[in-house]
Protein backbone atom coordinates (compact mmCIF):
# COMPACT_ATOMS: atom_id res chain seq x y z
CA MET A 1 6.26 -5.41 21.31
CA ILE A 2 3.02 -7.11 21.39
CA GLU A 3 3.47 -11.27 21.71
CA LEU A 4 0.67 -13.77 20.47
CA THR A 5 -0.59 -16.18 22.32
CA MET A 6 -0.43 -19.76 21.47
CA GLU A 7 -4.10 -19.66 20.59
CA GLN A 8 -3.64 -16.66 18.50
CA ARG A 9 -0.82 -18.15 16.60
CA LYS A 10 -2.67 -21.23 15.61
CA ALA A 11 -6.00 -18.71 14.84
CA VAL A 12 -3.43 -16.95 13.01
CA ALA A 13 -2.35 -19.97 10.85
CA THR A 14 -5.58 -21.40 10.32
CA ASP A 15 -7.45 -18.02 9.67
CA ALA A 16 -9.03 -18.64 6.19
CA GLU A 17 -8.87 -14.56 5.87
CA ALA A 18 -5.49 -13.08 4.74
CA PRO A 19 -3.91 -11.59 5.90
CA PRO A 20 -5.85 -11.84 9.13
CA ARG A 21 -7.65 -8.94 10.75
CA VAL A 22 -8.28 -8.37 14.42
CA LEU A 23 -10.32 -6.31 16.42
CA ASP A 24 -9.93 -4.37 19.67
CA PRO A 25 -12.88 -4.83 21.65
CA ASN A 26 -12.35 -2.04 23.61
CA THR A 27 -12.02 0.89 21.08
CA HIS A 28 -13.40 -1.19 18.37
CA THR A 29 -10.58 -0.43 16.01
CA LYS A 30 -10.06 -3.16 13.41
CA TYR A 31 -6.42 -3.99 12.35
CA VAL A 32 -4.45 -6.07 9.87
CA LEU A 33 -2.00 -8.28 10.39
CA VAL A 34 1.20 -8.57 7.79
CA PRO A 35 4.45 -9.57 8.22
CA GLU A 36 6.90 -7.30 9.20
CA GLU A 37 8.98 -7.63 5.51
CA VAL A 38 5.63 -6.87 3.69
CA TYR A 39 4.64 -4.12 5.75
CA ASP A 40 8.32 -2.46 5.23
CA ARG A 41 8.08 -2.36 1.52
CA VAL A 42 4.52 -0.92 2.03
CA ARG A 43 5.79 1.91 4.49
CA ARG A 44 8.50 3.07 1.98
CA VAL A 45 5.53 4.19 -1.07
CA PHE A 46 3.86 5.70 1.63
CA GLU A 47 6.74 7.62 2.67
CA ALA A 48 8.85 8.27 -0.19
CA ASP A 49 8.60 11.77 -1.67
CA GLU A 50 9.49 12.92 -4.90
CA ASP A 51 13.63 13.33 -4.38
CA SER A 52 13.89 10.00 -2.96
CA GLN A 53 16.14 7.42 -4.21
CA PHE A 54 12.94 4.78 -3.87
CA VAL A 55 10.90 7.19 -6.25
CA ARG A 56 13.91 7.95 -8.77
CA GLU A 57 14.04 3.86 -9.21
CA VAL A 58 10.43 3.03 -9.79
CA THR A 59 9.24 6.47 -12.15
CA PRO A 60 11.11 5.14 -15.15
CA GLN A 61 9.49 1.97 -14.51
CA VAL A 62 5.78 3.27 -13.84
CA LEU A 63 5.72 5.92 -16.95
CA LYS A 64 7.20 3.18 -19.12
CA ILE A 65 4.07 0.70 -18.45
CA PHE A 66 2.02 3.87 -18.46
CA GLY A 67 3.40 4.60 -22.30
CA ARG A 68 2.72 0.87 -22.87
CA ASP A 69 -0.90 0.80 -22.34
CA ARG A 70 -1.51 4.11 -23.59
CA TRP A 71 -1.72 6.29 -20.83
CA ASP A 72 0.34 8.76 -22.80
CA ASP A 73 -2.42 9.40 -25.12
CA PRO A 74 -3.33 13.27 -25.17
CA SER A 75 -7.07 12.05 -24.79
CA MET A 76 -6.50 10.95 -21.05
CA ASP A 77 -5.34 14.64 -19.86
CA VAL A 78 -8.74 14.84 -19.14
CA TYR A 79 -8.19 12.94 -15.80
CA ASN A 80 -5.33 15.79 -14.73
CA GLU A 81 -8.29 17.66 -13.96
CA LEU A 82 -9.38 15.38 -11.66
CA ASP A 83 -5.98 15.57 -9.38
CA PRO A 84 -6.70 17.44 -6.63
CA ARG A 85 -2.69 18.12 -6.23
CA ILE A 86 -2.99 19.88 -9.63
CA ASN A 87 -5.95 21.63 -9.10
CA PRO A 88 -6.89 22.31 -5.31
């Protein structure tokens, strides 16, 4: 684990851009610094597969919202044609 220097901690604390972004000057790779708790929550979404507990818990809530917002209207089916998982 890399520890922030005092100067870096001050910059993170006072940086107007949130979350703070850092640049590796050698590779020009940009990074975003987020609290570990945020990273862990987001990671669960990307690592989730269709059989995971997370997906089983969240899917009914998402479908309820979609239904409320009329995503289940048959006229919305046209968007299924744009899904590369359905139409490779």
